[in-house]
Amino acid sequence: MPNWRQSAEYYLRYVWESDDQFLLPVFSDCEVTCESLHDLCVRYRVARTVPGHIDAIGVEGKYRAFADMLNKYRKTIMTSENVPHIIDLEVEALRSAYGGRGLWSAISKALWMMKKHPVVIYDSYAWKALLKLHLRPGENTYRQYFEAWFRFFERESTMEGLDDALGWLQSLPHTQELLNAGKIGCDDLDSIWFRNRVVDLWLWSYGGGEAPTSPEKF
């Protein structure tokens, strides 16, 4: 089983510091542009899943339908009831724009960056982990994945692992440096959205994603 402390530190040092601290303000505070969406898709390695070659059609041609869809939800309050409906709905709606391709991963990543929890990022390694855990993530549907993810998230053992890992994370010298510099706040480290992403990293690792095996390697 993955280590919760490793997952927490991996998210902070290898995902939040390199990507999310820059992407979150852009997506949560501003209208999504094709350029910012391309930046996210490149950083999260899903640009190739969005059909269209930039050399041929440009960033605007590749991402305009996607960006317009996201901006429809700028003022929408995301809940555990409407998130799976919205994502499955928009995956189907964008199929015509993208040649039948289902963009569960890219759409969920972009919506998470806009709204954070309770949006759940769809990831193939996390899907494999949920399957290994016998949590029935389904196939070709976001709703079943979302429900399986929350069954894991709400387990008592998951909560205990997160509590321990995030308490430990705040004690690390590097985390203290970030806090003292004002780059992240204690409220962020205690937030449900931060826990959301640590769970993603734990599942990613359990499903076959390669991460450092001990905190000393970070």
N, C-alpha and C. Protein backbone atom coordinates (compact mmCIF):
# COMPACT_ATOMS: atom_id res chain seq x y z
N MET A 1 0.84 -1.20 0.00
CA MET A 1 0.00 0.00 0.00
C MET A 1 0.88 1.26 0.00
N PRO A 2 0.46 2.31 -0.68
CA PRO A 2 1.23 3.56 -0.64
C PRO A 2 1.25 4.15 0.76
N ASN A 3 2.19 5.03 0.99
CA ASN A 3 2.34 5.70 2.27
C ASN A 3 1.63 7.06 2.19
N TRP A 4 0.75 7.36 3.15
CA TRP A 4 0.01 8.62 3.11
C TRP A 4 0.93 9.82 3.23
N ARG A 5 1.97 9.71 4.03
CA ARG A 5 2.89 10.84 4.17
C ARG A 5 3.62 11.12 2.86
N GLN A 6 4.05 10.07 2.19
CA GLN A 6 4.70 10.25 0.90
C GLN A 6 3.75 10.89 -0.10
N SER A 7 2.51 10.48 -0.09
CA SER A 7 1.53 11.03 -1.03
C SER A 7 1.31 12.52 -0.77
N ALA A 8 1.24 12.91 0.50
CA ALA A 8 1.04 14.31 0.85
C ALA A 8 2.24 15.15 0.42
N GLU A 9 3.43 14.66 0.70
CA GLU A 9 4.62 15.44 0.33
C GLU A 9 4.80 15.47 -1.18
N TYR A 10 4.47 14.36 -1.85
CA TYR A 10 4.57 14.33 -3.30
C TYR A 10 3.64 15.38 -3.91
N TYR A 11 2.41 15.46 -3.41
CA TYR A 11 1.50 16.47 -3.98
C TYR A 11 2.05 17.87 -3.76
N LEU A 12 2.49 18.18 -2.54
CA LEU A 12 2.97 19.53 -2.26
C LEU A 12 4.20 19.89 -3.10
N ARG A 13 5.18 18.97 -3.17
CA ARG A 13 6.46 19.32 -3.78
C ARG A 13 6.51 19.09 -5.28
N TYR A 14 5.75 18.13 -5.76
CA TYR A 14 5.88 17.78 -7.17
C TYR A 14 4.66 18.12 -8.01
N VAL A 15 3.57 18.52 -7.39
CA VAL A 15 2.38 18.91 -8.15
C VAL A 15 1.97 20.33 -7.81
N TRP A 16 1.77 20.62 -6.52
CA TRP A 16 1.34 21.96 -6.16
C TRP A 16 2.42 22.99 -6.48
N GLU A 17 3.67 22.73 -6.06
CA GLU A 17 4.73 23.72 -6.29
C GLU A 17 5.02 23.95 -7.76
N SER A 18 4.97 22.89 -8.57
CA SER A 18 5.34 23.03 -9.97
C SER A 18 4.18 23.49 -10.84
N ASP A 19 2.94 23.14 -10.44
CA ASP A 19 1.80 23.41 -11.33
C ASP A 19 0.62 24.11 -10.64
N ASP A 20 0.08 23.49 -9.60
CA ASP A 20 -1.21 23.96 -9.09
C ASP A 20 -1.16 25.36 -8.49
N GLN A 21 -0.05 25.74 -7.88
CA GLN A 21 0.00 27.08 -7.30
C GLN A 21 -0.10 28.16 -8.37
N PHE A 22 0.27 27.83 -9.61
CA PHE A 22 0.16 28.77 -10.71
C PHE A 22 -1.18 28.66 -11.43
N LEU A 23 -1.69 27.45 -11.54
CA LEU A 23 -2.93 27.24 -12.28
C LEU A 23 -4.18 27.63 -11.48
N LEU A 24 -4.19 27.37 -10.19
CA LEU A 24 -5.39 27.62 -9.40
C LEU A 24 -5.87 29.06 -9.47
N PRO A 25 -5.02 30.07 -9.30
CA PRO A 25 -5.52 31.44 -9.38
C PRO A 25 -6.06 31.79 -10.77
N VAL A 26 -5.44 31.25 -11.81
CA VAL A 26 -5.87 31.55 -13.17
C VAL A 26 -7.26 30.97 -13.44
N PHE A 27 -7.49 29.75 -13.00
CA PHE A 27 -8.75 29.08 -13.29
C PHE A 27 -9.86 29.46 -12.32
N SER A 28 -9.52 29.74 -11.08
CA SER A 28 -10.57 30.03 -10.10
C SER A 28 -11.01 31.49 -10.13
N ASP A 29 -10.14 32.38 -10.59
CA ASP A 29 -10.44 33.81 -10.52
C ASP A 29 -10.78 34.46 -11.85
N CYS A 30 -10.47 33.80 -12.96
CA CYS A 30 -10.60 34.44 -14.27
C CYS A 30 -11.37 33.55 -15.24
N GLU A 31 -11.86 34.17 -16.30
CA GLU A 31 -12.44 33.39 -17.38
C GLU A 31 -11.36 32.49 -17.99
N VAL A 32 -11.73 31.27 -18.30
CA VAL A 32 -10.77 30.33 -18.89
C VAL A 32 -10.51 30.73 -20.34
N THR A 33 -9.24 30.89 -20.67
CA THR A 33 -8.85 31.18 -22.05
C THR A 33 -8.31 29.91 -22.69
N CYS A 34 -8.23 29.93 -24.00
CA CYS A 34 -7.65 28.77 -24.70
C CYS A 34 -6.19 28.59 -24.31
N GLU A 35 -5.49 29.70 -24.10
CA GLU A 35 -4.07 29.62 -23.73
C GLU A 35 -3.89 29.01 -22.34
N SER A 36 -4.72 29.43 -21.37
CA SER A 36 -4.58 28.87 -20.02
C SER A 36 -4.99 27.41 -20.00
N LEU A 37 -5.99 27.05 -20.81
CA LEU A 37 -6.42 25.66 -20.89
C LEU A 37 -5.34 24.80 -21.52
N HIS A 38 -4.68 25.31 -22.54
CA HIS A 38 -3.57 24.57 -23.15
C HIS A 38 -2.44 24.37 -22.13
N ASP A 39 -2.14 25.41 -21.35
CA ASP A 39 -1.10 25.30 -20.33
C ASP A 39 -1.44 24.19 -19.34
N LEU A 40 -2.68 24.16 -18.87
CA LEU A 40 -3.10 23.10 -17.95
C LEU A 40 -2.97 21.72 -18.58
N CYS A 41 -3.44 21.59 -19.81
CA CYS A 41 -3.42 20.27 -20.47
C CYS A 41 -2.00 19.78 -20.71
N VAL A 42 -1.08 20.69 -20.99
CA VAL A 42 0.32 20.31 -21.17
C VAL A 42 0.92 19.89 -19.83
N ARG A 43 0.70 20.71 -18.80
CA ARG A 43 1.26 20.40 -17.48
C ARG A 43 0.73 19.07 -16.94
N TYR A 44 -0.55 18.78 -17.21
CA TYR A 44 -1.18 17.56 -16.70
C TYR A 44 -1.17 16.43 -17.72
N ARG A 45 -0.43 16.61 -18.79
CA ARG A 45 -0.18 15.55 -19.77
C ARG A 45 -1.47 14.99 -20.39
N VAL A 46 -2.43 15.87 -20.64
CA VAL A 46 -3.64 15.43 -21.32
C VAL A 46 -3.87 16.20 -22.62
N ALA A 47 -2.89 17.00 -23.05
CA ALA A 47 -3.07 17.75 -24.29
C ALA A 47 -3.28 16.82 -25.48
N ARG A 48 -2.60 15.67 -25.48
CA ARG A 48 -2.73 14.73 -26.59
C ARG A 48 -4.10 14.08 -26.62
N THR A 49 -4.84 14.10 -25.51
CA THR A 49 -6.17 13.48 -25.49
C THR A 49 -7.23 14.41 -26.07
N VAL A 50 -6.88 15.68 -26.26
CA VAL A 50 -7.80 16.64 -26.87
C VAL A 50 -7.46 16.71 -28.36
N PRO A 51 -8.31 16.18 -29.23
CA PRO A 51 -7.97 16.12 -30.66
C PRO A 51 -7.70 17.49 -31.27
N GLY A 52 -6.81 17.51 -32.24
CA GLY A 52 -6.48 18.74 -32.95
C GLY A 52 -5.01 19.07 -32.79
N HIS A 53 -4.34 19.40 -33.90
CA HIS A 53 -2.93 19.77 -33.88
C HIS A 53 -2.79 21.28 -33.93
N ILE A 54 -2.12 21.82 -32.91
CA ILE A 54 -1.98 23.27 -32.81
C ILE A 54 -1.28 23.85 -34.03
N ASP A 55 -0.31 23.13 -34.59
CA ASP A 55 0.40 23.63 -35.77
C ASP A 55 -0.57 23.85 -36.94
N ALA A 56 -1.64 23.08 -36.97
CA ALA A 56 -2.59 23.18 -38.07
C ALA A 56 -3.74 24.14 -37.78
N ILE A 57 -4.28 24.10 -36.54
CA ILE A 57 -5.49 24.88 -36.24
C ILE A 57 -5.29 25.92 -35.15
N GLY A 58 -4.12 25.95 -34.55
CA GLY A 58 -3.85 26.93 -33.51
C GLY A 58 -4.47 26.55 -32.16
N VAL A 59 -4.05 27.25 -31.11
CA VAL A 59 -4.57 27.00 -29.76
C VAL A 59 -6.07 27.28 -29.72
N GLU A 60 -6.49 28.35 -30.39
CA GLU A 60 -7.91 28.71 -30.41
C GLU A 60 -8.74 27.60 -31.05
N GLY A 61 -8.29 27.09 -32.17
CA GLY A 61 -9.03 26.05 -32.86
C GLY A 61 -9.12 24.76 -32.07
N LYS A 62 -8.07 24.46 -31.32
CA LYS A 62 -8.03 23.21 -30.54
C LYS A 62 -8.90 23.29 -29.28
N TYR A 63 -8.90 24.44 -28.62
CA TYR A 63 -9.48 24.51 -27.29
C TYR A 63 -10.75 25.36 -27.15
N ARG A 64 -11.19 26.05 -28.20
CA ARG A 64 -12.29 26.99 -28.03
C ARG A 64 -13.56 26.32 -27.50
N ALA A 65 -13.97 25.18 -28.06
CA ALA A 65 -15.19 24.52 -27.59
C ALA A 65 -15.07 24.10 -26.13
N PHE A 66 -13.90 23.62 -25.75
CA PHE A 66 -13.61 23.19 -24.39
C PHE A 66 -13.69 24.38 -23.43
N ALA A 67 -13.02 25.48 -23.78
CA ALA A 67 -13.00 26.66 -22.92
C ALA A 67 -14.41 27.25 -22.76
N ASP A 68 -15.16 27.32 -23.85
CA ASP A 68 -16.53 27.84 -23.77
C ASP A 68 -17.38 27.01 -22.82
N MET A 69 -17.22 25.69 -22.88
CA MET A 69 -17.97 24.82 -21.98
C MET A 69 -17.63 25.13 -20.53
N LEU A 70 -16.35 25.25 -20.22
CA LEU A 70 -15.94 25.52 -18.84
C LEU A 70 -16.50 26.84 -18.34
N ASN A 71 -16.48 27.86 -19.19
CA ASN A 71 -16.92 29.18 -18.76
C ASN A 71 -18.42 29.25 -18.49
N LYS A 72 -19.18 28.29 -19.01
CA LYS A 72 -20.60 28.22 -18.68
C LYS A 72 -20.82 27.99 -17.19
N TYR A 73 -19.83 27.37 -16.54
CA TYR A 73 -19.97 26.97 -15.15
C TYR A 73 -19.23 27.89 -14.19
N ARG A 74 -18.83 29.06 -14.66
CA ARG A 74 -18.08 29.98 -13.81
C ARG A 74 -18.83 30.29 -12.52
N LYS A 75 -20.14 30.48 -12.59
CA LYS A 75 -20.91 30.87 -11.41
C LYS A 75 -21.67 29.69 -10.78
N THR A 76 -21.47 28.50 -11.30
CA THR A 76 -22.17 27.32 -10.78
C THR A 76 -21.51 26.82 -9.50
N ILE A 77 -22.30 26.58 -8.47
CA ILE A 77 -21.79 25.98 -7.24
C ILE A 77 -21.77 24.47 -7.45
N MET A 78 -20.59 23.88 -7.34
CA MET A 78 -20.45 22.45 -7.54
C MET A 78 -20.75 21.69 -6.25
N THR A 79 -21.58 20.66 -6.38
CA THR A 79 -21.93 19.81 -5.24
C THR A 79 -21.71 18.35 -5.61
N SER A 80 -21.77 17.50 -4.61
CA SER A 80 -21.60 16.06 -4.88
C SER A 80 -22.76 15.53 -5.71
N GLU A 81 -23.88 16.24 -5.72
CA GLU A 81 -25.02 15.82 -6.52
C GLU A 81 -24.89 16.23 -7.98
N ASN A 82 -24.39 17.44 -8.24
CA ASN A 82 -24.38 17.90 -9.64
C ASN A 82 -23.09 17.66 -10.39
N VAL A 83 -21.97 17.44 -9.70
CA VAL A 83 -20.70 17.25 -10.40
C VAL A 83 -20.73 16.07 -11.38
N PRO A 84 -21.12 14.86 -10.95
CA PRO A 84 -21.10 13.75 -11.92
C PRO A 84 -22.04 13.97 -13.09
N HIS A 85 -23.18 14.59 -12.84
CA HIS A 85 -24.11 14.88 -13.93
C HIS A 85 -23.48 15.86 -14.92
N ILE A 86 -22.87 16.92 -14.42
CA ILE A 86 -22.28 17.93 -15.29
C ILE A 86 -21.17 17.34 -16.14
N ILE A 87 -20.29 16.56 -15.53
CA ILE A 87 -19.15 16.04 -16.29
C ILE A 87 -19.60 15.01 -17.32
N ASP A 88 -20.48 14.09 -16.95
CA ASP A 88 -20.96 13.13 -17.95
C ASP A 88 -21.73 13.85 -19.06
N LEU A 89 -22.51 14.88 -18.71
CA LEU A 89 -23.24 15.65 -19.70
C LEU A 89 -22.30 16.33 -20.68
N GLU A 90 -21.26 16.96 -20.17
CA GLU A 90 -20.36 17.73 -21.04
C GLU A 90 -19.40 16.83 -21.82
N VAL A 91 -19.06 15.67 -21.28
CA VAL A 91 -18.30 14.71 -22.08
C VAL A 91 -19.07 14.36 -23.34
N GLU A 92 -20.35 14.09 -23.18
CA GLU A 92 -21.19 13.75 -24.34
C GLU A 92 -21.37 14.95 -25.26
N ALA A 93 -21.56 16.13 -24.68
CA ALA A 93 -21.78 17.33 -25.49
C ALA A 93 -20.56 17.68 -26.34
N LEU A 94 -19.36 17.40 -25.83
CA LEU A 94 -18.15 17.76 -26.57
C LEU A 94 -17.70 16.69 -27.56
N ARG A 95 -18.38 15.55 -27.57
CA ARG A 95 -17.98 14.50 -28.51
C ARG A 95 -18.05 14.99 -29.95
N SER A 96 -19.07 15.75 -30.28
CA SER A 96 -19.21 16.21 -31.67
C SER A 96 -18.09 17.16 -32.05
N ALA A 97 -17.62 17.96 -31.08
CA ALA A 97 -16.54 18.90 -31.36
C ALA A 97 -15.19 18.19 -31.47
N TYR A 98 -15.08 17.03 -30.84
CA TYR A 98 -13.79 16.35 -30.79
C TYR A 98 -13.83 14.94 -31.38
N GLY A 99 -14.63 14.76 -32.37
CA GLY A 99 -14.60 13.52 -33.14
C GLY A 99 -14.94 12.27 -32.37
N GLY A 100 -15.84 12.38 -31.39
CA GLY A 100 -16.27 11.20 -30.66
C GLY A 100 -15.42 10.85 -29.47
N ARG A 101 -14.36 11.61 -29.22
CA ARG A 101 -13.47 11.33 -28.08
C ARG A 101 -14.12 11.73 -26.76
N GLY A 102 -14.04 10.87 -25.75
CA GLY A 102 -14.55 11.19 -24.42
C GLY A 102 -13.45 11.80 -23.57
N LEU A 103 -13.64 13.03 -23.12
CA LEU A 103 -12.58 13.78 -22.45
C LEU A 103 -12.76 13.80 -20.93
N TRP A 104 -13.04 12.66 -20.31
CA TRP A 104 -13.26 12.62 -18.87
C TRP A 104 -12.07 13.20 -18.09
N SER A 105 -10.88 12.79 -18.43
CA SER A 105 -9.71 13.22 -17.68
C SER A 105 -9.47 14.72 -17.84
N ALA A 106 -9.45 15.20 -19.06
CA ALA A 106 -9.16 16.61 -19.29
C ALA A 106 -10.25 17.50 -18.70
N ILE A 107 -11.51 17.14 -18.88
CA ILE A 107 -12.60 17.95 -18.36
C ILE A 107 -12.58 17.98 -16.84
N SER A 108 -12.38 16.83 -16.20
CA SER A 108 -12.37 16.80 -14.74
C SER A 108 -11.18 17.56 -14.17
N LYS A 109 -10.04 17.50 -14.83
CA LYS A 109 -8.87 18.27 -14.36
C LYS A 109 -9.15 19.77 -14.44
N ALA A 110 -9.72 20.22 -15.55
CA ALA A 110 -10.00 21.65 -15.71
C ALA A 110 -11.07 22.12 -14.73
N LEU A 111 -12.12 21.32 -14.54
CA LEU A 111 -13.17 21.71 -13.60
C LEU A 111 -12.66 21.68 -12.16
N TRP A 112 -11.76 20.74 -11.84
CA TRP A 112 -11.18 20.75 -10.50
C TRP A 112 -10.41 22.04 -10.29
N MET A 113 -9.64 22.46 -11.29
CA MET A 113 -8.85 23.67 -11.15
C MET A 113 -9.75 24.89 -10.97
N MET A 114 -10.95 24.87 -11.57
CA MET A 114 -11.89 25.96 -11.41
C MET A 114 -12.59 25.93 -10.06
N LYS A 115 -13.00 24.73 -9.63
CA LYS A 115 -13.93 24.61 -8.50
C LYS A 115 -13.38 23.82 -7.31
N LYS A 116 -12.33 23.05 -7.53
CA LYS A 116 -11.74 22.19 -6.51
C LYS A 116 -12.78 21.18 -5.98
N HIS A 117 -12.68 20.79 -4.72
CA HIS A 117 -13.59 19.82 -4.13
C HIS A 117 -15.02 20.35 -4.16
N PRO A 118 -16.03 19.53 -4.53
CA PRO A 118 -16.03 18.07 -4.63
C PRO A 118 -15.78 17.50 -6.04
N VAL A 119 -15.22 18.31 -6.95
CA VAL A 119 -14.84 17.73 -8.23
C VAL A 119 -13.74 16.71 -7.98
N VAL A 120 -13.79 15.60 -8.67
CA VAL A 120 -12.80 14.53 -8.55
C VAL A 120 -12.13 14.36 -9.91
N ILE A 121 -10.82 14.38 -9.92
CA ILE A 121 -10.07 14.21 -11.16
C ILE A 121 -10.11 12.75 -11.61
N TYR A 122 -10.49 12.54 -12.85
CA TYR A 122 -10.52 11.19 -13.42
C TYR A 122 -9.13 10.85 -13.93
N ASP A 123 -8.60 9.74 -13.45
CA ASP A 123 -7.24 9.32 -13.81
C ASP A 123 -7.23 7.81 -13.99
N SER A 124 -6.55 7.33 -15.03
CA SER A 124 -6.57 5.90 -15.32
C SER A 124 -5.89 5.08 -14.23
N TYR A 125 -4.81 5.61 -13.63
CA TYR A 125 -4.15 4.88 -12.55
C TYR A 125 -5.05 4.83 -11.31
N ALA A 126 -5.72 5.94 -11.01
CA ALA A 126 -6.65 5.94 -9.88
C ALA A 126 -7.81 4.98 -10.14
N TRP A 127 -8.27 4.92 -11.39
CA TRP A 127 -9.33 3.98 -11.74
C TRP A 127 -8.87 2.54 -11.45
N LYS A 128 -7.63 2.21 -11.83
CA LYS A 128 -7.11 0.87 -11.55
C LYS A 128 -7.04 0.60 -10.06
N ALA A 129 -6.68 1.63 -9.29
CA ALA A 129 -6.60 1.47 -7.84
C ALA A 129 -7.98 1.19 -7.25
N LEU A 130 -8.98 1.95 -7.68
CA LEU A 130 -10.34 1.74 -7.19
C LEU A 130 -10.85 0.35 -7.56
N LEU A 131 -10.46 -0.12 -8.73
CA LEU A 131 -10.84 -1.47 -9.14
C LEU A 131 -10.17 -2.50 -8.24
N LYS A 132 -8.88 -2.31 -7.95
CA LYS A 132 -8.16 -3.23 -7.06
C LYS A 132 -8.77 -3.24 -5.66
N LEU A 133 -9.34 -2.11 -5.26
CA LEU A 133 -9.95 -2.00 -3.94
C LEU A 133 -11.40 -2.48 -3.93
N HIS A 134 -11.84 -3.02 -5.07
CA HIS A 134 -13.21 -3.57 -5.21
C HIS A 134 -14.29 -2.52 -4.96
N LEU A 135 -14.02 -1.28 -5.45
CA LEU A 135 -14.96 -0.18 -5.24
C LEU A 135 -15.79 0.14 -6.48
N ARG A 136 -15.70 -0.68 -7.52
CA ARG A 136 -16.59 -0.63 -8.69
C ARG A 136 -16.59 0.75 -9.38
N PRO A 137 -15.45 1.16 -9.97
CA PRO A 137 -15.40 2.47 -10.62
C PRO A 137 -16.10 2.54 -11.97
N GLY A 138 -16.58 1.41 -12.49
CA GLY A 138 -17.31 1.41 -13.76
C GLY A 138 -16.40 1.65 -14.96
N GLU A 139 -17.01 1.76 -16.12
CA GLU A 139 -16.27 2.04 -17.35
C GLU A 139 -17.04 3.04 -18.20
N ASN A 140 -16.30 3.97 -18.79
CA ASN A 140 -16.89 4.96 -19.70
C ASN A 140 -18.02 5.76 -19.06
N THR A 141 -17.90 6.01 -17.78
CA THR A 141 -18.85 6.88 -17.09
C THR A 141 -18.14 7.54 -15.93
N TYR A 142 -18.32 8.82 -15.79
CA TYR A 142 -17.69 9.53 -14.69
C TYR A 142 -18.42 9.26 -13.37
N ARG A 143 -19.75 9.15 -13.42
CA ARG A 143 -20.53 9.01 -12.20
C ARG A 143 -20.07 7.82 -11.36
N GLN A 144 -19.87 6.66 -11.98
CA GLN A 144 -19.47 5.48 -11.21
C GLN A 144 -18.08 5.65 -10.62
N TYR A 145 -17.18 6.29 -11.38
CA TYR A 145 -15.84 6.58 -10.88
C TYR A 145 -15.93 7.53 -9.68
N PHE A 146 -16.72 8.58 -9.82
CA PHE A 146 -16.91 9.58 -8.78
C PHE A 146 -17.44 8.93 -7.50
N GLU A 147 -18.44 8.09 -7.63
CA GLU A 147 -19.03 7.44 -6.46
C GLU A 147 -18.05 6.47 -5.80
N ALA A 148 -17.26 5.75 -6.61
CA ALA A 148 -16.25 4.85 -6.06
C ALA A 148 -15.17 5.63 -5.32
N TRP A 149 -14.75 6.75 -5.91
CA TRP A 149 -13.72 7.60 -5.30
C TRP A 149 -14.20 8.08 -3.93
N PHE A 150 -15.45 8.51 -3.84
CA PHE A 150 -15.96 9.01 -2.56
C PHE A 150 -16.13 7.89 -1.54
N ARG A 151 -16.43 6.69 -2.00
CA ARG A 151 -16.49 5.57 -1.05
C ARG A 151 -15.13 5.38 -0.39
N PHE A 152 -14.07 5.55 -1.16
CA PHE A 152 -12.73 5.44 -0.59
C PHE A 152 -12.41 6.65 0.28
N PHE A 153 -12.71 7.84 -0.22
CA PHE A 153 -12.40 9.09 0.48
C PHE A 153 -13.04 9.11 1.87
N GLU A 154 -14.25 8.59 2.00
CA GLU A 154 -15.00 8.68 3.24
C GLU A 154 -14.72 7.54 4.22
N ARG A 155 -13.84 6.62 3.85
CA ARG A 155 -13.47 5.55 4.77
C ARG A 155 -12.78 6.12 6.01
N GLU A 156 -13.02 5.50 7.14
CA GLU A 156 -12.36 5.94 8.37
C GLU A 156 -10.84 5.82 8.24
N SER A 157 -10.36 4.75 7.60
CA SER A 157 -8.92 4.56 7.46
C SER A 157 -8.30 5.64 6.56
N THR A 158 -9.05 6.10 5.56
CA THR A 158 -8.56 7.19 4.71
C THR A 158 -8.46 8.47 5.51
N MET A 159 -9.49 8.79 6.28
CA MET A 159 -9.47 10.00 7.11
C MET A 159 -8.31 9.97 8.10
N GLU A 160 -8.07 8.81 8.70
CA GLU A 160 -6.98 8.69 9.66
C GLU A 160 -5.63 8.88 8.97
N GLY A 161 -5.48 8.30 7.78
CA GLY A 161 -4.24 8.46 7.04
C GLY A 161 -3.99 9.90 6.65
N LEU A 162 -5.03 10.59 6.23
CA LEU A 162 -4.90 12.00 5.87
C LEU A 162 -4.56 12.86 7.08
N ASP A 163 -5.24 12.62 8.20
CA ASP A 163 -4.97 13.40 9.41
C ASP A 163 -3.50 13.29 9.81
N ASP A 164 -3.00 12.07 9.82
CA ASP A 164 -1.60 11.86 10.19
C ASP A 164 -0.66 12.52 9.18
N ALA A 165 -0.92 12.31 7.89
CA ALA A 165 -0.02 12.80 6.86
C ALA A 165 0.04 14.33 6.82
N LEU A 166 -1.11 14.98 6.98
CA LEU A 166 -1.13 16.43 6.87
C LEU A 166 -0.59 17.10 8.13
N GLY A 167 -0.76 16.45 9.28
CA GLY A 167 -0.11 16.96 10.47
C GLY A 167 1.41 16.86 10.35
N TRP A 168 1.87 15.74 9.84
CA TRP A 168 3.31 15.53 9.63
C TRP A 168 3.85 16.50 8.57
N LEU A 169 3.10 16.70 7.49
CA LEU A 169 3.55 17.57 6.41
C LEU A 169 3.81 18.99 6.91
N GLN A 170 2.95 19.48 7.78
CA GLN A 170 3.10 20.85 8.27
C GLN A 170 4.33 21.01 9.15
N SER A 171 4.86 19.90 9.67
CA SER A 171 6.03 19.97 10.55
C SER A 171 7.35 19.98 9.78
N LEU A 172 7.32 19.71 8.48
CA LEU A 172 8.56 19.62 7.72
C LEU A 172 9.19 21.00 7.51
N PRO A 173 10.52 21.08 7.55
CA PRO A 173 11.18 22.37 7.33
C PRO A 173 10.80 23.03 6.00
N HIS A 174 10.71 22.24 4.94
CA HIS A 174 10.37 22.82 3.64
C HIS A 174 8.97 23.42 3.65
N THR A 175 8.02 22.73 4.29
CA THR A 175 6.67 23.27 4.40
C THR A 175 6.67 24.55 5.21
N GLN A 176 7.44 24.58 6.28
CA GLN A 176 7.54 25.79 7.09
C GLN A 176 8.11 26.95 6.28
N GLU A 177 9.04 26.66 5.40
CA GLU A 177 9.58 27.71 4.53
C GLU A 177 8.50 28.28 3.63
N LEU A 178 7.68 27.40 3.06
CA LEU A 178 6.59 27.85 2.19
C LEU A 178 5.58 28.69 2.98
N LEU A 179 5.27 28.24 4.20
CA LEU A 179 4.33 28.98 5.05
C LEU A 179 4.89 30.34 5.42
N ASN A 180 6.14 30.38 5.82
CA ASN A 180 6.76 31.64 6.23
C ASN A 180 6.89 32.63 5.08
N ALA A 181 7.04 32.10 3.87
CA ALA A 181 7.15 32.96 2.68
C ALA A 181 5.79 33.39 2.15
N GLY A 182 4.72 32.86 2.75
CA GLY A 182 3.38 33.21 2.31
C GLY A 182 2.97 32.56 1.00
N LYS A 183 3.68 31.50 0.59
CA LYS A 183 3.36 30.84 -0.67
C LYS A 183 2.16 29.90 -0.54
N ILE A 184 1.93 29.42 0.68
CA ILE A 184 0.77 28.59 0.97
C ILE A 184 0.38 28.87 2.41
N GLY A 185 -0.88 28.67 2.75
CA GLY A 185 -1.33 28.96 4.10
C GLY A 185 -1.69 27.69 4.86
N CYS A 186 -1.73 27.79 6.18
CA CYS A 186 -2.15 26.65 6.99
C CYS A 186 -3.57 26.23 6.64
N ASP A 187 -4.40 27.21 6.27
CA ASP A 187 -5.77 26.88 5.90
C ASP A 187 -5.82 26.05 4.63
N ASP A 188 -4.85 26.27 3.71
CA ASP A 188 -4.77 25.44 2.51
C ASP A 188 -4.39 24.01 2.87
N LEU A 189 -3.39 23.86 3.71
CA LEU A 189 -2.93 22.53 4.09
C LEU A 189 -3.99 21.77 4.89
N ASP A 190 -4.88 22.50 5.54
CA ASP A 190 -5.96 21.87 6.30
C ASP A 190 -7.23 21.70 5.48
N SER A 191 -7.23 22.18 4.25
CA SER A 191 -8.47 22.25 3.47
C SER A 191 -8.88 20.90 2.89
N ILE A 192 -10.16 20.80 2.57
CA ILE A 192 -10.66 19.58 1.95
C ILE A 192 -10.14 19.43 0.53
N TRP A 193 -9.87 20.55 -0.16
CA TRP A 193 -9.34 20.42 -1.53
C TRP A 193 -7.93 19.84 -1.52
N PHE A 194 -7.13 20.19 -0.51
CA PHE A 194 -5.79 19.63 -0.42
C PHE A 194 -5.89 18.13 -0.14
N ARG A 195 -6.79 17.74 0.74
CA ARG A 195 -7.02 16.31 1.02
C ARG A 195 -7.47 15.58 -0.24
N ASN A 196 -8.33 16.21 -1.01
CA ASN A 196 -8.80 15.64 -2.27
C ASN A 196 -7.62 15.24 -3.15
N ARG A 197 -6.66 16.12 -3.29
CA ARG A 197 -5.53 15.84 -4.18
C ARG A 197 -4.55 14.85 -3.58
N VAL A 198 -4.40 14.82 -2.26
CA VAL A 198 -3.54 13.80 -1.64
C VAL A 198 -4.14 12.42 -1.87
N VAL A 199 -5.46 12.31 -1.77
CA VAL A 199 -6.12 11.03 -2.07
C VAL A 199 -5.86 10.64 -3.52
N ASP A 200 -5.94 11.60 -4.44
CA ASP A 200 -5.64 11.31 -5.84
C ASP A 200 -4.24 10.73 -5.99
N LEU A 201 -3.27 11.32 -5.30
CA LEU A 201 -1.89 10.84 -5.42
C LEU A 201 -1.72 9.46 -4.80
N TRP A 202 -2.42 9.20 -3.70
CA TRP A 202 -2.37 7.86 -3.08
C TRP A 202 -2.92 6.83 -4.06
N LEU A 203 -4.08 7.12 -4.64
CA LEU A 203 -4.70 6.19 -5.59
C LEU A 203 -3.83 6.03 -6.83
N TRP A 204 -3.29 7.13 -7.32
CA TRP A 204 -2.41 7.10 -8.50
C TRP A 204 -1.24 6.14 -8.26
N SER A 205 -0.64 6.23 -7.07
CA SER A 205 0.48 5.37 -6.74
C SER A 205 0.04 3.91 -6.62
N TYR A 206 -1.07 3.68 -5.94
CA TYR A 206 -1.57 2.32 -5.76
C TYR A 206 -1.99 1.69 -7.09
N GLY A 207 -2.40 2.52 -8.03
CA GLY A 207 -2.82 2.02 -9.34
C GLY A 207 -1.68 1.81 -10.32
N GLY A 208 -0.45 2.15 -9.91
CA GLY A 208 0.69 1.90 -10.79
C GLY A 208 1.51 3.11 -11.16
N GLY A 209 1.11 4.30 -10.72
CA GLY A 209 1.92 5.49 -10.98
C GLY A 209 3.21 5.41 -10.20
N GLU A 210 4.29 5.88 -10.79
CA GLU A 210 5.60 5.78 -10.15
C GLU A 210 5.91 7.05 -9.39
N ALA A 211 6.10 6.91 -8.08
CA ALA A 211 6.46 8.02 -7.22
C ALA A 211 7.67 7.63 -6.39
N PRO A 212 8.38 8.62 -5.82
CA PRO A 212 9.50 8.27 -4.92
C PRO A 212 9.02 7.37 -3.80
N THR A 213 9.88 6.48 -3.35
CA THR A 213 9.49 5.48 -2.37
C THR A 213 9.67 5.94 -0.94
N SER A 214 10.38 7.03 -0.72
CA SER A 214 10.54 7.52 0.64
C SER A 214 10.68 9.04 0.61
N PRO A 215 10.24 9.74 1.68
CA PRO A 215 10.33 11.19 1.70
C PRO A 215 11.74 11.72 1.48
N GLU A 216 12.76 10.96 1.88
CA GLU A 216 14.13 11.44 1.73
C GLU A 216 14.52 11.64 0.27
N LYS A 217 13.81 10.99 -0.64
CA LYS A 217 14.15 11.12 -2.06
C LYS A 217 13.50 12.35 -2.70
N PHE A 218 12.65 13.06 -1.95
CA PHE A 218 11.95 14.20 -2.51
C PHE A 218 12.85 15.43 -2.52
